[in-house]
Amino acid sequence: MIRSARSLAEADERLGAVRSDAHLAAEVVAEPQAAEWETTNVHMVARALTRAAWLREETRGGHYRTDFPRPDDAWRRRVRVRLDGDGVLTVA
């Protein structure tokens, strides 16, 4: 996988444009089914992975960053991604 800050920003912008609150719309007449919840979960995982990859400014393993082409031992740590109580994605 080849990526850069620019491509990750574009991916994050596109993922951010995907509506993930349709189940809250007033016109919804049925409860979401398993497929809808799964789609929402896959979308959120894609967003989390994109944000984590954007934060990690190095190349490691099969994930190549054109703007950071070498591994950096400072990144030998975990990137933590979570949803806060309001459903906002945080990366640390």
N, C-alpha and C. Protein backbone atom coordinates (compact mmCIF):
# COMPACT_ATOMS: atom_id res chain seq x y z
N MET A 1 0.85 -1.17 0.00
CA MET A 1 0.00 0.00 0.00
C MET A 1 0.90 1.23 0.00
N ILE A 2 0.72 2.10 -0.97
CA ILE A 2 1.49 3.33 -1.06
C ILE A 2 0.57 4.48 -0.66
N ARG A 3 1.06 5.30 0.25
CA ARG A 3 0.23 6.41 0.74
C ARG A 3 1.09 7.62 1.02
N SER A 4 0.42 8.74 1.24
CA SER A 4 1.08 10.00 1.59
C SER A 4 0.09 10.81 2.42
N ALA A 5 0.57 11.88 3.01
CA ALA A 5 -0.34 12.74 3.77
C ALA A 5 -1.50 13.20 2.90
N ARG A 6 -1.18 13.53 1.64
CA ARG A 6 -2.23 14.01 0.73
C ARG A 6 -3.27 12.93 0.44
N SER A 7 -2.81 11.71 0.12
CA SER A 7 -3.77 10.65 -0.21
C SER A 7 -4.58 10.24 1.02
N LEU A 8 -3.96 10.27 2.20
CA LEU A 8 -4.70 9.93 3.42
C LEU A 8 -5.70 11.02 3.77
N ALA A 9 -5.35 12.28 3.54
CA ALA A 9 -6.30 13.38 3.77
C ALA A 9 -7.49 13.26 2.83
N GLU A 10 -7.21 12.90 1.57
CA GLU A 10 -8.30 12.73 0.61
C GLU A 10 -9.20 11.56 1.01
N ALA A 11 -8.60 10.46 1.43
CA ALA A 11 -9.39 9.31 1.87
C ALA A 11 -10.24 9.67 3.08
N ASP A 12 -9.66 10.40 4.03
CA ASP A 12 -10.40 10.80 5.22
C ASP A 12 -11.55 11.74 4.86
N GLU A 13 -11.31 12.64 3.91
CA GLU A 13 -12.37 13.56 3.48
C GLU A 13 -13.51 12.78 2.82
N ARG A 14 -13.17 11.83 1.97
CA ARG A 14 -14.21 11.03 1.31
C ARG A 14 -14.98 10.18 2.31
N LEU A 15 -14.27 9.58 3.26
CA LEU A 15 -14.96 8.79 4.28
C LEU A 15 -15.84 9.69 5.15
N GLY A 16 -15.36 10.90 5.42
CA GLY A 16 -16.14 11.84 6.22
C GLY A 16 -17.42 12.28 5.53
N ALA A 17 -17.45 12.20 4.22
CA ALA A 17 -18.64 12.60 3.46
C ALA A 17 -19.72 11.52 3.46
N VAL A 18 -19.35 10.32 3.87
CA VAL A 18 -20.33 9.23 3.92
C VAL A 18 -21.21 9.42 5.15
N ARG A 19 -22.50 9.46 4.92
CA ARG A 19 -23.43 9.65 6.02
C ARG A 19 -23.47 8.41 6.90
N SER A 20 -23.29 8.59 8.19
CA SER A 20 -23.31 7.46 9.10
C SER A 20 -24.38 7.63 10.19
N ASP A 21 -25.26 8.59 9.99
CA ASP A 21 -26.32 8.82 10.98
C ASP A 21 -27.72 8.64 10.39
N ALA A 22 -27.81 7.90 9.30
CA ALA A 22 -29.11 7.73 8.64
C ALA A 22 -30.15 7.12 9.57
N HIS A 23 -29.70 6.30 10.50
CA HIS A 23 -30.65 5.67 11.43
C HIS A 23 -31.33 6.69 12.35
N LEU A 24 -30.82 7.92 12.40
CA LEU A 24 -31.42 8.97 13.24
C LEU A 24 -32.42 9.84 12.48
N ALA A 25 -32.50 9.67 11.18
CA ALA A 25 -33.38 10.51 10.36
C ALA A 25 -34.84 10.26 10.72
N ALA A 26 -35.64 11.33 10.67
CA ALA A 26 -37.06 11.24 11.04
C ALA A 26 -37.84 10.32 10.11
N GLU A 27 -37.43 10.19 8.85
CA GLU A 27 -38.18 9.39 7.90
C GLU A 27 -37.90 7.89 7.99
N VAL A 28 -37.01 7.48 8.90
CA VAL A 28 -36.72 6.05 9.06
C VAL A 28 -37.95 5.37 9.65
N VAL A 29 -38.41 4.31 8.99
CA VAL A 29 -39.62 3.63 9.44
C VAL A 29 -39.34 2.24 9.99
N ALA A 30 -38.10 1.81 9.96
CA ALA A 30 -37.74 0.49 10.49
C ALA A 30 -36.42 0.59 11.23
N GLU A 31 -36.25 -0.27 12.19
CA GLU A 31 -34.99 -0.32 12.93
C GLU A 31 -33.89 -0.84 12.00
N PRO A 32 -32.67 -0.34 12.16
CA PRO A 32 -31.57 -0.86 11.34
C PRO A 32 -31.39 -2.37 11.55
N GLN A 33 -31.05 -3.05 10.48
CA GLN A 33 -30.82 -4.49 10.53
C GLN A 33 -29.31 -4.74 10.63
N ALA A 34 -28.94 -6.00 10.75
CA ALA A 34 -27.53 -6.37 10.92
C ALA A 34 -26.65 -5.81 9.81
N ALA A 35 -27.11 -5.83 8.58
CA ALA A 35 -26.30 -5.34 7.45
C ALA A 35 -26.01 -3.85 7.59
N GLU A 36 -26.97 -3.08 8.05
CA GLU A 36 -26.75 -1.65 8.23
C GLU A 36 -25.73 -1.38 9.33
N TRP A 37 -25.85 -2.13 10.44
CA TRP A 37 -24.89 -1.95 11.54
C TRP A 37 -23.50 -2.38 11.09
N GLU A 38 -23.41 -3.47 10.33
CA GLU A 38 -22.12 -3.93 9.84
C GLU A 38 -21.49 -2.91 8.91
N THR A 39 -22.28 -2.32 8.05
CA THR A 39 -21.77 -1.28 7.14
C THR A 39 -21.25 -0.09 7.94
N THR A 40 -21.98 0.31 8.95
CA THR A 40 -21.54 1.42 9.80
C THR A 40 -20.24 1.07 10.50
N ASN A 41 -20.13 -0.16 11.00
CA ASN A 41 -18.91 -0.58 11.68
C ASN A 41 -17.72 -0.61 10.73
N VAL A 42 -17.91 -1.14 9.52
CA VAL A 42 -16.82 -1.19 8.54
C VAL A 42 -16.39 0.24 8.17
N HIS A 43 -17.34 1.13 8.03
CA HIS A 43 -17.02 2.52 7.72
C HIS A 43 -16.19 3.13 8.84
N MET A 44 -16.57 2.90 10.09
CA MET A 44 -15.85 3.47 11.22
C MET A 44 -14.44 2.89 11.32
N VAL A 45 -14.28 1.61 11.05
CA VAL A 45 -12.94 0.99 11.06
C VAL A 45 -12.08 1.58 9.95
N ALA A 46 -12.65 1.79 8.78
CA ALA A 46 -11.90 2.40 7.67
C ALA A 46 -11.44 3.80 8.06
N ARG A 47 -12.29 4.54 8.70
CA ARG A 47 -11.94 5.90 9.14
C ARG A 47 -10.84 5.86 10.20
N ALA A 48 -10.95 4.93 11.14
CA ALA A 48 -9.94 4.80 12.20
C ALA A 48 -8.58 4.42 11.62
N LEU A 49 -8.56 3.47 10.70
CA LEU A 49 -7.30 3.05 10.09
C LEU A 49 -6.67 4.18 9.27
N THR A 50 -7.50 4.93 8.57
CA THR A 50 -6.99 6.06 7.79
C THR A 50 -6.37 7.11 8.70
N ARG A 51 -7.05 7.44 9.78
CA ARG A 51 -6.52 8.44 10.72
C ARG A 51 -5.22 7.96 11.37
N ALA A 52 -5.16 6.69 11.76
CA ALA A 52 -3.94 6.15 12.37
C ALA A 52 -2.79 6.17 11.38
N ALA A 53 -3.06 5.80 10.13
CA ALA A 53 -2.01 5.81 9.10
C ALA A 53 -1.54 7.22 8.81
N TRP A 54 -2.44 8.18 8.88
CA TRP A 54 -2.11 9.58 8.64
C TRP A 54 -1.18 10.09 9.74
N LEU A 55 -1.47 9.71 10.96
CA LEU A 55 -0.66 10.15 12.10
C LEU A 55 0.75 9.55 12.04
N ARG A 56 0.86 8.28 11.67
CA ARG A 56 2.15 7.58 11.68
C ARG A 56 2.99 8.04 10.49
N GLU A 57 3.97 8.86 10.76
CA GLU A 57 4.79 9.46 9.70
C GLU A 57 6.07 8.65 9.50
N GLU A 58 5.92 7.47 8.93
CA GLU A 58 7.04 6.59 8.62
C GLU A 58 6.57 5.51 7.65
N THR A 59 7.53 4.78 7.13
CA THR A 59 7.24 3.59 6.34
C THR A 59 7.60 2.40 7.21
N ARG A 60 6.68 1.43 7.29
CA ARG A 60 6.97 0.23 8.08
C ARG A 60 6.25 -0.94 7.42
N GLY A 61 6.98 -2.02 7.24
CA GLY A 61 6.39 -3.21 6.64
C GLY A 61 5.86 -2.91 5.25
N GLY A 62 4.66 -3.37 5.00
CA GLY A 62 4.06 -3.19 3.68
C GLY A 62 3.39 -1.85 3.48
N HIS A 63 3.45 -0.98 4.46
CA HIS A 63 2.79 0.31 4.36
C HIS A 63 3.82 1.39 4.07
N TYR A 64 3.87 1.83 2.84
CA TYR A 64 4.89 2.77 2.37
C TYR A 64 4.31 4.18 2.30
N ARG A 65 5.01 5.12 2.93
CA ARG A 65 4.64 6.54 2.85
C ARG A 65 5.63 7.23 1.94
N THR A 66 5.16 7.80 0.85
CA THR A 66 6.05 8.49 -0.08
C THR A 66 6.70 9.71 0.56
N ASP A 67 6.00 10.33 1.52
CA ASP A 67 6.53 11.52 2.18
C ASP A 67 7.41 11.17 3.38
N PHE A 68 7.40 9.92 3.83
CA PHE A 68 8.25 9.43 4.92
C PHE A 68 8.73 8.03 4.54
N PRO A 69 9.72 7.92 3.63
CA PRO A 69 10.06 6.63 3.05
C PRO A 69 10.85 5.67 3.94
N ARG A 70 11.28 6.10 5.11
CA ARG A 70 12.09 5.22 5.96
C ARG A 70 11.39 4.92 7.29
N PRO A 71 11.68 3.74 7.86
CA PRO A 71 11.17 3.46 9.21
C PRO A 71 11.81 4.43 10.20
N ASP A 72 11.10 4.71 11.26
CA ASP A 72 11.59 5.59 12.31
C ASP A 72 11.32 4.89 13.64
N ASP A 73 12.39 4.56 14.36
CA ASP A 73 12.23 3.82 15.62
C ASP A 73 11.39 4.58 16.65
N ALA A 74 11.25 5.89 16.49
CA ALA A 74 10.38 6.65 17.40
C ALA A 74 8.94 6.18 17.29
N TRP A 75 8.59 5.53 16.15
CA TRP A 75 7.23 5.04 15.94
C TRP A 75 7.06 3.60 16.40
N ARG A 76 8.02 3.03 17.09
CA ARG A 76 7.87 1.67 17.62
C ARG A 76 6.98 1.76 18.87
N ARG A 77 5.76 2.09 18.63
CA ARG A 77 4.75 2.22 19.69
C ARG A 77 3.38 2.06 19.06
N ARG A 78 2.39 2.04 19.86
CA ARG A 78 1.02 1.87 19.38
C ARG A 78 0.35 3.22 19.13
N VAL A 79 -0.51 3.23 18.14
CA VAL A 79 -1.38 4.38 17.90
C VAL A 79 -2.75 3.97 18.41
N ARG A 80 -3.31 4.75 19.31
CA ARG A 80 -4.60 4.42 19.90
C ARG A 80 -5.70 5.25 19.24
N VAL A 81 -6.72 4.56 18.74
CA VAL A 81 -7.86 5.20 18.09
C VAL A 81 -9.09 4.79 18.87
N ARG A 82 -9.93 5.76 19.22
CA ARG A 82 -11.14 5.44 19.98
C ARG A 82 -12.23 6.45 19.68
N LEU A 83 -13.44 6.06 20.02
CA LEU A 83 -14.58 6.98 19.95
C LEU A 83 -14.79 7.55 21.34
N ASP A 84 -14.95 8.87 21.43
CA ASP A 84 -15.26 9.43 22.73
C ASP A 84 -16.76 9.30 23.01
N GLY A 85 -17.21 9.78 24.11
CA GLY A 85 -18.62 9.63 24.51
C GLY A 85 -19.61 10.24 23.54
N ASP A 86 -19.15 11.20 22.73
CA ASP A 86 -20.02 11.85 21.73
C ASP A 86 -19.90 11.21 20.36
N GLY A 87 -19.13 10.10 20.26
CA GLY A 87 -18.97 9.44 18.99
C GLY A 87 -17.93 10.08 18.09
N VAL A 88 -17.07 10.94 18.65
CA VAL A 88 -16.02 11.60 17.89
C VAL A 88 -14.76 10.73 17.93
N LEU A 89 -14.16 10.50 16.78
CA LEU A 89 -12.96 9.68 16.66
C LEU A 89 -11.75 10.46 17.17
N THR A 90 -11.00 9.88 18.10
CA THR A 90 -9.76 10.50 18.59
C THR A 90 -8.61 9.56 18.33
N VAL A 91 -7.46 10.13 17.98
CA VAL A 91 -6.27 9.36 17.66
C VAL A 91 -5.13 9.90 18.53
N ALA A 92 -4.41 9.00 19.18
CA ALA A 92 -3.27 9.41 20.04
C ALA A 92 -2.16 8.39 19.91
